[in-house]
Amino acid sequence: MEIIKLEGQKRESAGTTGANKIRKSGQIPCVIYGGGDNVFCSLKPKDVKSLIYTADFKLAEVEVDGATHKCILKDLQVHPVTDNIMHIDFLRLVDGHPVKLEVPVKCVGASPGVKVGGKLLQKMRKIKIKTVPEKMVDQLTVDISSLELGDSVRVRDVEIPEGIEIMNPMANPIASVEIPRALRSAKTAEAKEAKAAE
């Protein structure tokens, strides 16, 4: 699992005035919470890009005042007009303490339905899980090698490693193989011909 190392500057004030000063200086106000006292710090926007602007799940190690905090990105506030990051919340990871998070779900295998012209539609890109930091994974997989035209895989079909609990409803579809219009028309025509020949 990829870990992004970040160097934070400690901030004394946790209020709005202090946060606005930090934003004006070109940095992002942040808070690290969970498993102890809250730590208020600021980070440079360029340093957090690889953690935020990605579909991958990554851990963060934020160093503030000589102490390193192993965290996950829990929440961020974005300016509605400029898209600038206004605030970041990190959740500190503590061994043995379960956390809820979202990880990407990846389709693996080759679908027979796709091979004959079907189109794979992935409806769910992330799955909510509950686990302890020691059992954390950066993605889950679902096998699509048995999907024929019109078939779907659901949350219940995901390969679940030991120590991980899935929070999504098991019946939710993750991906399906859509029958293209051309194939559907050809099948309808074949059915009509077969009926006429009877």
N, C-alpha and C. Protein backbone atom coordinates (compact mmCIF):
# COMPACT_ATOMS: atom_id res chain seq x y z
N MET A 1 0.84 -1.19 0.00
CA MET A 1 0.00 0.00 0.00
C MET A 1 0.88 1.25 0.00
N GLU A 2 0.53 2.19 -0.87
CA GLU A 2 1.36 3.40 -0.99
C GLU A 2 1.12 4.34 0.19
N ILE A 3 2.20 4.87 0.74
CA ILE A 3 2.12 5.81 1.85
C ILE A 3 2.68 7.15 1.39
N ILE A 4 1.89 8.21 1.54
CA ILE A 4 2.33 9.57 1.19
C ILE A 4 2.83 10.25 2.46
N LYS A 5 4.10 10.65 2.45
CA LYS A 5 4.68 11.32 3.62
C LYS A 5 4.50 12.84 3.48
N LEU A 6 3.93 13.42 4.52
CA LEU A 6 3.63 14.86 4.50
C LEU A 6 4.26 15.55 5.70
N GLU A 7 4.76 16.75 5.48
CA GLU A 7 5.34 17.51 6.58
C GLU A 7 4.42 18.68 6.91
N GLY A 8 3.80 18.62 8.08
CA GLY A 8 2.86 19.65 8.48
C GLY A 8 3.49 20.67 9.41
N GLN A 9 2.98 21.89 9.33
CA GLN A 9 3.40 22.95 10.26
C GLN A 9 2.34 23.07 11.35
N LYS A 10 2.76 22.99 12.60
CA LYS A 10 1.80 23.08 13.70
C LYS A 10 1.16 24.47 13.72
N ARG A 11 -0.16 24.50 13.98
CA ARG A 11 -0.84 25.78 14.14
C ARG A 11 -1.48 25.83 15.53
N GLU A 12 -1.34 26.97 16.14
CA GLU A 12 -1.80 27.12 17.52
C GLU A 12 -3.31 27.31 17.58
N SER A 13 -3.84 28.11 16.65
CA SER A 13 -5.26 28.45 16.70
C SER A 13 -6.07 27.50 15.82
N ALA A 14 -7.15 26.97 16.41
CA ALA A 14 -8.01 26.06 15.64
C ALA A 14 -9.22 26.76 15.08
N GLY A 15 -9.35 28.06 15.33
CA GLY A 15 -10.54 28.81 14.93
C GLY A 15 -10.52 29.26 13.48
N THR A 16 -11.62 29.93 13.10
CA THR A 16 -11.81 30.41 11.72
C THR A 16 -10.77 31.47 11.36
N THR A 17 -10.48 32.36 12.28
CA THR A 17 -9.52 33.44 12.01
C THR A 17 -8.15 32.86 11.67
N GLY A 18 -7.69 31.90 12.49
CA GLY A 18 -6.40 31.26 12.24
C GLY A 18 -6.39 30.50 10.93
N ALA A 19 -7.50 29.83 10.64
CA ALA A 19 -7.60 29.06 9.38
C ALA A 19 -7.54 29.99 8.17
N ASN A 20 -8.21 31.14 8.27
CA ASN A 20 -8.19 32.10 7.15
C ASN A 20 -6.79 32.66 6.91
N LYS A 21 -6.05 32.89 8.00
CA LYS A 21 -4.66 33.37 7.86
C LYS A 21 -3.81 32.35 7.13
N ILE A 22 -4.02 31.07 7.48
CA ILE A 22 -3.25 29.99 6.84
C ILE A 22 -3.57 29.93 5.35
N ARG A 23 -4.86 30.06 5.00
CA ARG A 23 -5.26 30.03 3.59
C ARG A 23 -4.63 31.21 2.83
N LYS A 24 -4.61 32.38 3.47
CA LYS A 24 -4.03 33.56 2.83
C LYS A 24 -2.53 33.39 2.60
N SER A 25 -1.89 32.59 3.45
CA SER A 25 -0.45 32.34 3.28
C SER A 25 -0.18 31.25 2.23
N GLY A 26 -1.28 30.71 1.64
CA GLY A 26 -1.12 29.71 0.57
C GLY A 26 -1.08 28.27 1.04
N GLN A 27 -1.40 28.05 2.32
CA GLN A 27 -1.41 26.68 2.84
C GLN A 27 -2.84 26.23 3.17
N ILE A 28 -2.97 24.93 3.51
CA ILE A 28 -4.28 24.35 3.81
C ILE A 28 -4.34 24.01 5.29
N PRO A 29 -5.34 24.55 6.03
CA PRO A 29 -5.51 24.14 7.42
C PRO A 29 -6.01 22.70 7.51
N CYS A 30 -5.45 21.94 8.46
CA CYS A 30 -5.80 20.52 8.62
C CYS A 30 -5.98 20.17 10.09
N VAL A 31 -6.72 19.09 10.33
CA VAL A 31 -6.82 18.55 11.68
C VAL A 31 -6.62 17.04 11.62
N ILE A 32 -5.90 16.52 12.59
CA ILE A 32 -5.72 15.07 12.73
C ILE A 32 -6.44 14.69 14.02
N TYR A 33 -7.43 13.78 13.91
CA TYR A 33 -8.18 13.41 15.09
C TYR A 33 -8.28 11.89 15.22
N GLY A 34 -8.76 11.44 16.39
CA GLY A 34 -8.89 10.00 16.65
C GLY A 34 -7.68 9.46 17.38
N GLY A 35 -7.92 8.61 18.37
CA GLY A 35 -6.82 7.95 19.08
C GLY A 35 -5.94 8.87 19.88
N GLY A 36 -6.51 9.94 20.43
CA GLY A 36 -5.71 10.87 21.23
C GLY A 36 -6.13 12.30 20.99
N ASP A 37 -5.24 13.23 21.37
CA ASP A 37 -5.56 14.65 21.20
C ASP A 37 -5.58 15.03 19.73
N ASN A 38 -6.45 16.00 19.41
CA ASN A 38 -6.47 16.54 18.05
C ASN A 38 -5.19 17.32 17.79
N VAL A 39 -4.68 17.17 16.57
CA VAL A 39 -3.48 17.91 16.17
C VAL A 39 -3.88 18.85 15.03
N PHE A 40 -3.66 20.14 15.21
CA PHE A 40 -3.98 21.14 14.19
C PHE A 40 -2.69 21.54 13.48
N CYS A 41 -2.73 21.47 12.15
CA CYS A 41 -1.52 21.79 11.38
C CYS A 41 -1.92 22.39 10.04
N SER A 42 -0.92 22.72 9.24
CA SER A 42 -1.17 23.19 7.87
C SER A 42 -0.24 22.45 6.92
N LEU A 43 -0.71 22.29 5.68
CA LEU A 43 0.06 21.59 4.66
C LEU A 43 0.11 22.40 3.37
N LYS A 44 1.14 22.16 2.58
CA LYS A 44 1.25 22.84 1.28
C LYS A 44 0.36 22.12 0.26
N PRO A 45 -0.41 22.87 -0.54
CA PRO A 45 -1.30 22.25 -1.53
C PRO A 45 -0.60 21.26 -2.46
N LYS A 46 0.63 21.60 -2.90
CA LYS A 46 1.33 20.72 -3.85
C LYS A 46 1.68 19.37 -3.21
N ASP A 47 1.86 19.36 -1.88
CA ASP A 47 2.25 18.12 -1.20
C ASP A 47 1.10 17.11 -1.11
N VAL A 48 -0.14 17.61 -1.11
CA VAL A 48 -1.29 16.69 -0.93
C VAL A 48 -1.91 16.24 -2.25
N LYS A 49 -1.41 16.76 -3.37
CA LYS A 49 -2.01 16.44 -4.68
C LYS A 49 -2.09 14.94 -4.94
N SER A 50 -0.98 14.23 -4.68
CA SER A 50 -0.95 12.79 -4.99
C SER A 50 -1.83 11.97 -4.05
N LEU A 51 -2.23 12.57 -2.94
CA LEU A 51 -3.13 11.89 -1.99
C LEU A 51 -4.59 12.13 -2.36
N ILE A 52 -4.87 13.32 -2.87
CA ILE A 52 -6.26 13.72 -3.12
C ILE A 52 -6.72 13.46 -4.55
N TYR A 53 -5.90 13.86 -5.53
CA TYR A 53 -6.34 13.76 -6.92
C TYR A 53 -5.96 12.40 -7.51
N THR A 54 -6.57 11.36 -6.97
CA THR A 54 -6.30 10.00 -7.43
C THR A 54 -7.50 9.11 -7.12
N ALA A 55 -7.67 8.07 -7.92
CA ALA A 55 -8.74 7.09 -7.64
C ALA A 55 -8.22 6.00 -6.69
N ASP A 56 -6.88 5.99 -6.49
CA ASP A 56 -6.28 4.96 -5.63
C ASP A 56 -6.46 5.30 -4.16
N PHE A 57 -6.45 4.27 -3.33
CA PHE A 57 -6.50 4.47 -1.88
C PHE A 57 -5.07 4.51 -1.35
N LYS A 58 -4.73 5.57 -0.63
CA LYS A 58 -3.38 5.71 -0.10
C LYS A 58 -3.44 6.11 1.37
N LEU A 59 -2.40 5.75 2.10
CA LEU A 59 -2.27 6.18 3.49
C LEU A 59 -1.43 7.45 3.53
N ALA A 60 -1.57 8.20 4.63
CA ALA A 60 -0.76 9.40 4.81
C ALA A 60 0.01 9.29 6.12
N GLU A 61 1.26 9.69 6.08
CA GLU A 61 2.05 9.83 7.30
C GLU A 61 2.36 11.32 7.44
N VAL A 62 1.70 11.95 8.40
CA VAL A 62 1.85 13.39 8.59
C VAL A 62 2.76 13.65 9.79
N GLU A 63 3.87 14.32 9.50
CA GLU A 63 4.81 14.65 10.58
C GLU A 63 4.57 16.08 11.05
N VAL A 64 4.30 16.23 12.35
CA VAL A 64 4.08 17.55 12.94
C VAL A 64 4.89 17.63 14.23
N ASP A 65 5.78 18.61 14.31
CA ASP A 65 6.58 18.82 15.52
C ASP A 65 7.35 17.56 15.95
N GLY A 66 7.88 16.83 14.98
CA GLY A 66 8.69 15.65 15.29
C GLY A 66 7.90 14.37 15.53
N ALA A 67 6.58 14.47 15.61
CA ALA A 67 5.73 13.28 15.81
C ALA A 67 5.09 12.89 14.49
N THR A 68 5.10 11.58 14.18
CA THR A 68 4.51 11.10 12.93
C THR A 68 3.17 10.45 13.21
N HIS A 69 2.16 10.87 12.45
CA HIS A 69 0.80 10.36 12.61
C HIS A 69 0.41 9.60 11.35
N LYS A 70 0.11 8.29 11.52
CA LYS A 70 -0.35 7.47 10.39
C LYS A 70 -1.85 7.66 10.26
N CYS A 71 -2.29 8.13 9.09
CA CYS A 71 -3.68 8.56 8.94
C CYS A 71 -4.29 8.09 7.62
N ILE A 72 -5.62 8.26 7.57
CA ILE A 72 -6.32 8.19 6.28
C ILE A 72 -7.03 9.53 6.08
N LEU A 73 -7.20 9.89 4.83
CA LEU A 73 -7.93 11.10 4.48
C LEU A 73 -9.41 10.84 4.75
N LYS A 74 -10.01 11.61 5.64
CA LYS A 74 -11.40 11.35 6.02
C LYS A 74 -12.37 12.31 5.36
N ASP A 75 -11.96 13.57 5.23
CA ASP A 75 -12.88 14.55 4.64
C ASP A 75 -12.09 15.75 4.15
N LEU A 76 -12.62 16.42 3.13
CA LEU A 76 -12.00 17.68 2.72
C LEU A 76 -13.07 18.64 2.24
N GLN A 77 -12.82 19.91 2.48
CA GLN A 77 -13.74 20.96 2.03
C GLN A 77 -13.10 21.67 0.86
N VAL A 78 -13.91 21.84 -0.21
CA VAL A 78 -13.41 22.48 -1.43
C VAL A 78 -14.22 23.75 -1.68
N HIS A 79 -13.53 24.82 -2.09
CA HIS A 79 -14.21 26.08 -2.38
C HIS A 79 -15.14 25.88 -3.58
N PRO A 80 -16.41 26.31 -3.46
CA PRO A 80 -17.39 26.05 -4.54
C PRO A 80 -17.08 26.73 -5.87
N VAL A 81 -16.30 27.81 -5.82
CA VAL A 81 -16.00 28.54 -7.06
C VAL A 81 -14.61 28.22 -7.59
N THR A 82 -13.60 28.32 -6.72
CA THR A 82 -12.21 28.18 -7.17
C THR A 82 -11.72 26.73 -7.20
N ASP A 83 -12.46 25.82 -6.50
CA ASP A 83 -12.04 24.41 -6.35
C ASP A 83 -10.77 24.26 -5.50
N ASN A 84 -10.34 25.34 -4.84
CA ASN A 84 -9.20 25.25 -3.93
C ASN A 84 -9.61 24.44 -2.69
N ILE A 85 -8.66 23.68 -2.14
CA ILE A 85 -8.95 22.90 -0.94
C ILE A 85 -8.92 23.86 0.26
N MET A 86 -10.03 23.88 1.00
CA MET A 86 -10.18 24.82 2.12
C MET A 86 -9.77 24.20 3.46
N HIS A 87 -9.96 22.89 3.60
CA HIS A 87 -9.68 22.24 4.89
C HIS A 87 -9.59 20.73 4.67
N ILE A 88 -8.72 20.06 5.41
CA ILE A 88 -8.57 18.60 5.32
C ILE A 88 -8.71 18.00 6.72
N ASP A 89 -9.49 16.94 6.81
CA ASP A 89 -9.60 16.15 8.05
C ASP A 89 -8.89 14.82 7.85
N PHE A 90 -7.97 14.50 8.73
CA PHE A 90 -7.29 13.20 8.73
C PHE A 90 -7.75 12.40 9.95
N LEU A 91 -7.95 11.10 9.76
CA LEU A 91 -8.27 10.22 10.88
C LEU A 91 -7.02 9.41 11.22
N ARG A 92 -6.57 9.54 12.47
CA ARG A 92 -5.38 8.82 12.93
C ARG A 92 -5.71 7.34 13.08
N LEU A 93 -4.81 6.49 12.59
CA LEU A 93 -5.01 5.04 12.68
C LEU A 93 -4.35 4.50 13.95
N VAL A 94 -5.11 3.68 14.67
CA VAL A 94 -4.59 3.06 15.89
C VAL A 94 -4.77 1.55 15.75
N ASP A 95 -3.68 0.79 15.88
CA ASP A 95 -3.76 -0.66 15.73
C ASP A 95 -4.84 -1.25 16.63
N GLY A 96 -5.65 -2.14 16.04
CA GLY A 96 -6.70 -2.80 16.82
C GLY A 96 -8.01 -2.04 16.87
N HIS A 97 -8.00 -0.78 16.42
CA HIS A 97 -9.22 0.03 16.44
C HIS A 97 -9.83 0.05 15.03
N PRO A 98 -11.06 -0.52 14.86
CA PRO A 98 -11.67 -0.57 13.52
C PRO A 98 -11.96 0.82 12.97
N VAL A 99 -11.81 0.95 11.66
CA VAL A 99 -12.17 2.19 10.97
C VAL A 99 -13.01 1.85 9.75
N LYS A 100 -13.82 2.82 9.34
CA LYS A 100 -14.61 2.67 8.11
C LYS A 100 -13.95 3.52 7.03
N LEU A 101 -13.84 2.96 5.83
CA LEU A 101 -13.22 3.68 4.73
C LEU A 101 -13.75 3.16 3.41
N GLU A 102 -13.42 3.86 2.34
CA GLU A 102 -13.80 3.43 1.00
C GLU A 102 -12.55 3.06 0.22
N VAL A 103 -12.60 1.90 -0.43
CA VAL A 103 -11.47 1.48 -1.27
C VAL A 103 -11.99 1.17 -2.68
N PRO A 104 -11.14 1.32 -3.71
CA PRO A 104 -11.57 0.99 -5.07
C PRO A 104 -11.89 -0.49 -5.22
N VAL A 105 -12.84 -0.79 -6.10
CA VAL A 105 -13.12 -2.19 -6.46
C VAL A 105 -12.74 -2.37 -7.93
N LYS A 106 -11.97 -3.42 -8.20
CA LYS A 106 -11.43 -3.64 -9.55
C LYS A 106 -11.99 -4.94 -10.13
N CYS A 107 -12.41 -4.89 -11.39
CA CYS A 107 -12.89 -6.08 -12.09
C CYS A 107 -11.68 -6.84 -12.63
N VAL A 108 -11.63 -8.15 -12.36
CA VAL A 108 -10.53 -8.97 -12.87
C VAL A 108 -11.10 -10.14 -13.68
N GLY A 109 -10.31 -10.62 -14.63
CA GLY A 109 -10.75 -11.72 -15.48
C GLY A 109 -11.30 -11.20 -16.80
N ALA A 110 -11.57 -12.13 -17.73
CA ALA A 110 -12.09 -11.77 -19.05
C ALA A 110 -13.51 -12.30 -19.18
N SER A 111 -14.44 -11.41 -19.45
CA SER A 111 -15.85 -11.80 -19.57
C SER A 111 -16.15 -12.37 -20.95
N PRO A 112 -16.77 -13.58 -21.00
CA PRO A 112 -17.18 -14.15 -22.29
C PRO A 112 -18.16 -13.23 -23.02
N GLY A 113 -19.02 -12.54 -22.26
CA GLY A 113 -19.99 -11.63 -22.87
C GLY A 113 -19.32 -10.47 -23.58
N VAL A 114 -18.21 -9.98 -23.01
CA VAL A 114 -17.47 -8.88 -23.64
C VAL A 114 -16.78 -9.38 -24.92
N LYS A 115 -16.28 -10.61 -24.85
CA LYS A 115 -15.58 -11.19 -26.01
C LYS A 115 -16.48 -11.29 -27.24
N VAL A 116 -17.80 -11.48 -27.03
CA VAL A 116 -18.71 -11.60 -28.18
C VAL A 116 -19.39 -10.28 -28.53
N GLY A 117 -18.86 -9.19 -27.96
CA GLY A 117 -19.35 -7.87 -28.37
C GLY A 117 -20.10 -7.08 -27.32
N GLY A 118 -20.26 -7.65 -26.12
CA GLY A 118 -20.94 -6.92 -25.05
C GLY A 118 -20.05 -5.82 -24.49
N LYS A 119 -20.68 -4.89 -23.78
CA LYS A 119 -19.94 -3.77 -23.21
C LYS A 119 -19.99 -3.86 -21.69
N LEU A 120 -18.80 -3.84 -21.05
CA LEU A 120 -18.74 -3.91 -19.60
C LEU A 120 -19.02 -2.53 -19.00
N LEU A 121 -20.04 -2.46 -18.16
CA LEU A 121 -20.39 -1.22 -17.49
C LEU A 121 -20.11 -1.38 -16.01
N GLN A 122 -19.16 -0.60 -15.48
CA GLN A 122 -18.87 -0.67 -14.04
C GLN A 122 -19.67 0.42 -13.34
N LYS A 123 -20.63 -0.01 -12.52
CA LYS A 123 -21.55 0.93 -11.88
C LYS A 123 -21.03 1.40 -10.52
N MET A 124 -20.15 0.61 -9.92
CA MET A 124 -19.62 0.97 -8.60
C MET A 124 -18.10 0.96 -8.67
N ARG A 125 -17.49 2.07 -8.29
CA ARG A 125 -16.03 2.19 -8.35
C ARG A 125 -15.38 1.99 -6.98
N LYS A 126 -16.16 2.24 -5.91
CA LYS A 126 -15.60 2.13 -4.56
C LYS A 126 -16.54 1.34 -3.66
N ILE A 127 -15.96 0.69 -2.67
CA ILE A 127 -16.73 -0.10 -1.72
C ILE A 127 -16.39 0.37 -0.31
N LYS A 128 -17.43 0.47 0.53
CA LYS A 128 -17.21 0.84 1.93
C LYS A 128 -16.87 -0.41 2.73
N ILE A 129 -15.79 -0.31 3.50
CA ILE A 129 -15.39 -1.44 4.33
C ILE A 129 -15.13 -0.99 5.76
N LYS A 130 -15.13 -1.98 6.65
CA LYS A 130 -14.76 -1.75 8.05
C LYS A 130 -13.67 -2.74 8.38
N THR A 131 -12.57 -2.24 8.92
CA THR A 131 -11.44 -3.13 9.24
C THR A 131 -10.51 -2.43 10.23
N VAL A 132 -9.56 -3.19 10.74
CA VAL A 132 -8.52 -2.60 11.60
C VAL A 132 -7.32 -2.25 10.71
N PRO A 133 -6.48 -1.29 11.13
CA PRO A 133 -5.35 -0.88 10.28
C PRO A 133 -4.45 -2.02 9.82
N GLU A 134 -4.28 -3.05 10.67
CA GLU A 134 -3.39 -4.17 10.33
C GLU A 134 -3.92 -4.99 9.15
N LYS A 135 -5.23 -4.96 8.92
CA LYS A 135 -5.85 -5.77 7.85
C LYS A 135 -6.24 -4.92 6.65
N MET A 136 -5.86 -3.65 6.66
CA MET A 136 -6.29 -2.72 5.63
C MET A 136 -5.74 -3.11 4.25
N VAL A 137 -6.57 -2.93 3.22
CA VAL A 137 -6.15 -3.20 1.84
C VAL A 137 -6.38 -1.93 1.02
N ASP A 138 -5.67 -1.82 -0.12
CA ASP A 138 -5.86 -0.61 -0.93
C ASP A 138 -6.85 -0.81 -2.07
N GLN A 139 -7.34 -2.06 -2.26
CA GLN A 139 -8.40 -2.31 -3.23
C GLN A 139 -9.02 -3.69 -2.99
N LEU A 140 -10.21 -3.90 -3.54
CA LEU A 140 -10.86 -5.21 -3.55
C LEU A 140 -11.08 -5.59 -5.00
N THR A 141 -11.26 -6.89 -5.24
CA THR A 141 -11.46 -7.35 -6.62
C THR A 141 -12.74 -8.18 -6.74
N VAL A 142 -13.30 -8.16 -7.94
CA VAL A 142 -14.46 -9.00 -8.24
C VAL A 142 -14.19 -9.67 -9.59
N ASP A 143 -14.45 -10.98 -9.66
CA ASP A 143 -14.14 -11.77 -10.85
C ASP A 143 -15.30 -11.68 -11.85
N ILE A 144 -14.99 -11.26 -13.09
CA ILE A 144 -16.03 -11.14 -14.11
C ILE A 144 -15.91 -12.22 -15.18
N SER A 145 -15.07 -13.24 -14.92
CA SER A 145 -14.79 -14.24 -15.96
C SER A 145 -15.97 -15.17 -16.29
N SER A 146 -17.06 -15.07 -15.52
CA SER A 146 -18.23 -15.91 -15.84
C SER A 146 -19.38 -15.07 -16.41
N LEU A 147 -19.14 -13.78 -16.63
CA LEU A 147 -20.23 -12.90 -17.08
C LEU A 147 -20.53 -13.07 -18.57
N GLU A 148 -21.74 -13.53 -18.85
CA GLU A 148 -22.24 -13.60 -20.23
C GLU A 148 -23.00 -12.31 -20.52
N LEU A 149 -23.53 -12.19 -21.74
CA LEU A 149 -24.31 -11.01 -22.11
C LEU A 149 -25.50 -10.86 -21.16
N GLY A 150 -25.66 -9.65 -20.62
CA GLY A 150 -26.79 -9.38 -19.74
C GLY A 150 -26.57 -9.75 -18.29
N ASP A 151 -25.43 -10.37 -17.96
CA ASP A 151 -25.15 -10.78 -16.57
C ASP A 151 -24.56 -9.62 -15.75
N SER A 152 -24.65 -9.77 -14.43
CA SER A 152 -24.08 -8.77 -13.51
C SER A 152 -23.30 -9.44 -12.40
N VAL A 153 -22.33 -8.71 -11.82
CA VAL A 153 -21.71 -9.14 -10.56
C VAL A 153 -22.14 -8.14 -9.50
N ARG A 154 -22.31 -8.64 -8.29
CA ARG A 154 -22.82 -7.81 -7.21
C ARG A 154 -21.83 -7.76 -6.05
N VAL A 155 -22.14 -6.95 -5.06
CA VAL A 155 -21.24 -6.79 -3.91
C VAL A 155 -20.95 -8.15 -3.28
N ARG A 156 -21.94 -9.05 -3.23
CA ARG A 156 -21.74 -10.36 -2.60
C ARG A 156 -20.70 -11.22 -3.35
N ASP A 157 -20.37 -10.84 -4.59
CA ASP A 157 -19.40 -11.61 -5.38
C ASP A 157 -17.96 -11.14 -5.16
N VAL A 158 -17.77 -10.07 -4.40
CA VAL A 158 -16.43 -9.53 -4.17
C VAL A 158 -15.62 -10.51 -3.32
N GLU A 159 -14.33 -10.66 -3.67
CA GLU A 159 -13.43 -11.49 -2.87
C GLU A 159 -13.06 -10.70 -1.61
N ILE A 160 -13.47 -11.22 -0.46
CA ILE A 160 -13.28 -10.48 0.80
C ILE A 160 -12.13 -11.09 1.59
N PRO A 161 -11.03 -10.36 1.76
CA PRO A 161 -9.92 -10.86 2.58
C PRO A 161 -10.34 -10.98 4.05
N GLU A 162 -9.60 -11.78 4.77
CA GLU A 162 -9.89 -11.99 6.20
C GLU A 162 -9.76 -10.67 6.97
N GLY A 163 -10.71 -10.45 7.88
CA GLY A 163 -10.64 -9.27 8.73
C GLY A 163 -11.30 -8.04 8.15
N ILE A 164 -11.98 -8.21 7.00
CA ILE A 164 -12.64 -7.06 6.36
C ILE A 164 -14.14 -7.31 6.28
N GLU A 165 -14.90 -6.30 6.67
CA GLU A 165 -16.36 -6.37 6.60
C GLU A 165 -16.84 -5.34 5.59
N ILE A 166 -17.68 -5.78 4.66
CA ILE A 166 -18.22 -4.87 3.65
C ILE A 166 -19.49 -4.23 4.19
N MET A 167 -19.60 -2.90 4.03
CA MET A 167 -20.73 -2.15 4.57
C MET A 167 -21.85 -1.92 3.55
N ASN A 168 -21.57 -2.10 2.26
CA ASN A 168 -22.60 -1.89 1.24
C ASN A 168 -23.61 -3.04 1.22
N PRO A 169 -24.85 -2.79 0.77
CA PRO A 169 -25.81 -3.89 0.59
C PRO A 169 -25.27 -4.93 -0.39
N MET A 170 -25.39 -6.21 -0.02
CA MET A 170 -24.80 -7.29 -0.82
C MET A 170 -25.40 -7.42 -2.22
N ALA A 171 -26.65 -6.94 -2.40
CA ALA A 171 -27.32 -7.10 -3.70
C ALA A 171 -26.97 -5.98 -4.69
N ASN A 172 -26.24 -4.95 -4.23
CA ASN A 172 -25.91 -3.83 -5.13
C ASN A 172 -25.04 -4.31 -6.29
N PRO A 173 -25.42 -3.94 -7.54
CA PRO A 173 -24.60 -4.35 -8.69
C PRO A 173 -23.31 -3.55 -8.78
N ILE A 174 -22.23 -4.25 -9.12
CA ILE A 174 -20.93 -3.58 -9.31
C ILE A 174 -20.67 -3.36 -10.80
N ALA A 175 -20.90 -4.41 -11.59
CA ALA A 175 -20.67 -4.30 -13.03
C ALA A 175 -21.62 -5.24 -13.77
N SER A 176 -21.91 -4.89 -15.00
CA SER A 176 -22.76 -5.74 -15.83
C SER A 176 -22.27 -5.69 -17.28
N VAL A 177 -22.65 -6.72 -18.04
CA VAL A 177 -22.30 -6.76 -19.46
C VAL A 177 -23.54 -6.39 -20.26
N GLU A 178 -23.49 -5.21 -20.84
CA GLU A 178 -24.63 -4.71 -21.61
C GLU A 178 -24.64 -5.31 -23.01
N ILE A 179 -25.84 -5.65 -23.48
CA ILE A 179 -25.97 -6.17 -24.85
C ILE A 179 -26.11 -4.97 -25.78
N PRO A 180 -25.16 -4.75 -26.70
CA PRO A 180 -25.24 -3.61 -27.61
C PRO A 180 -26.48 -3.70 -28.50
N ARG A 181 -26.94 -2.55 -28.96
CA ARG A 181 -28.15 -2.49 -29.78
C ARG A 181 -28.03 -3.36 -31.03
N ALA A 182 -26.87 -3.35 -31.66
CA ALA A 182 -26.67 -4.13 -32.89
C ALA A 182 -26.85 -5.62 -32.62
N LEU A 183 -26.27 -6.09 -31.49
CA LEU A 183 -26.40 -7.51 -31.14
C LEU A 183 -27.85 -7.84 -30.78
N ARG A 184 -28.52 -6.91 -30.08
CA ARG A 184 -29.90 -7.13 -29.67
C ARG A 184 -30.79 -7.23 -30.90
N SER A 185 -30.56 -6.34 -31.89
CA SER A 185 -31.34 -6.34 -33.13
C SER A 185 -31.13 -7.65 -33.89
N ALA A 186 -29.85 -8.10 -33.91
CA ALA A 186 -29.53 -9.35 -34.63
C ALA A 186 -30.23 -10.54 -33.97
N LYS A 187 -30.27 -10.54 -32.63
CA LYS A 187 -30.92 -11.64 -31.90
C LYS A 187 -32.42 -11.64 -32.15
N THR A 188 -33.02 -10.43 -32.19
CA THR A 188 -34.45 -10.31 -32.45
C THR A 188 -34.78 -10.82 -33.85
N ALA A 189 -33.91 -10.44 -34.81
CA ALA A 189 -34.12 -10.89 -36.20
C ALA A 189 -34.01 -12.40 -36.29
N GLU A 190 -33.03 -12.99 -35.59
CA GLU A 190 -32.87 -14.46 -35.60
C GLU A 190 -34.10 -15.15 -35.01
N ALA A 191 -34.61 -14.58 -33.93
CA ALA A 191 -35.78 -15.16 -33.29
C ALA A 191 -36.99 -15.11 -34.21
N LYS A 192 -37.14 -14.01 -34.95
CA LYS A 192 -38.26 -13.86 -35.88
C LYS A 192 -38.15 -14.87 -37.01
N GLU A 193 -36.91 -15.03 -37.53
CA GLU A 193 -36.69 -15.99 -38.61
C GLU A 193 -36.99 -17.41 -38.16
N ALA A 194 -36.54 -17.74 -36.95
CA ALA A 194 -36.78 -19.08 -36.40
C ALA A 194 -38.27 -19.33 -36.24
N LYS A 195 -39.02 -18.31 -35.83
CA LYS A 195 -40.46 -18.45 -35.64
C LYS A 195 -41.16 -18.64 -36.97
N ALA A 196 -40.67 -17.88 -37.95
CA ALA A 196 -41.29 -17.95 -39.29
C ALA A 196 -41.04 -19.32 -39.93
N ALA A 197 -39.89 -19.93 -39.60
CA ALA A 197 -39.53 -21.22 -40.19
C ALA A 197 -40.30 -22.39 -39.57
N GLU A 198 -40.93 -22.15 -38.41
CA GLU A 198 -41.64 -23.24 -37.73
C GLU A 198 -42.88 -23.67 -38.50
